[in-house]
Amino acid sequence: MTTFLFLRHGISDANEKGVLAGRLPNVNLSTKGREQARQLVKHIEDLQVHRILVSPLDRCLQTVEPYLASSGKRCYFEESFVEMNYGDWSGRKLKELRKAKDWKKVQSRPSEFIFPNGESFRNAQRRVHKQMEALAKKYPRKSILIVSHGDIIKLAICASLSMKLDDFQRIVVDPASITAINWEDNSKTLLYANRTPTKTSKNYRDSKSKTLKQRRVLGGGRGE
């Protein structure tokens, strides 16, 4: 049995500005995000991870750096868990994208959508699922921490539970939250999702809250 512990990066400066960063360079954790990273150290220690894989984007490494400094462990970059390629949508504000003609398709029928000059949700899910299968075979009975991105983690949940891809936007994955998934042969179990052990993110919100719509959004939102 392999346990995958997905950690979404902390709040970034792009999250705070409401920008869909995608794979753009020089997107860093905000002041709040860096505080979240420091608060995660003890929690990650308690998870007793055997291997640490990190999306090659700066905000993901910055999220796990305090833990690496404290533990003396090393991490490995893994391209399979990099953020989606949002193509021409990268760098644009979410409030503007909500007005785009394809926004409803992205939210309700993502299986049919390919970002202009970018990636499809199907291809993103395929690369994530393929790498999880490979890791499960290579590291049985190990716990693997994967520092990644909101949409990537939601796609991993869908793939593990055999959910319809079109339902993945119903999942909320806030910044600095942890999702645990067990893989054992053909049995895959979601242990928990969107657990936020940091003080700067609230664990639960009322389902009628106006913020829920902002959290259940392309890219994962800022969690507030």
Foldseek 3Di string as FASTA:
>chain_A
DEKEKEWEFAFWPCLVVQFQAAQPAPIARDPRRLLLLLLCQVVVVVVPADAEEEAPHHRLCSSPVNNCVVPVDDHHYDPLQEGFWLDPRHGDHPVVVCPDPCFVCVQQPQQPDQRVRTGGLVVSLVSLVVVVVVCCVVDPPGYYYYYHFFSSVLSVVCVLVVHDPSCSLVDAAAHRFIWMWDDDPNHIDTPDGNHHSDPVADRDDPPPDPCVVQQSHPRRHHRD
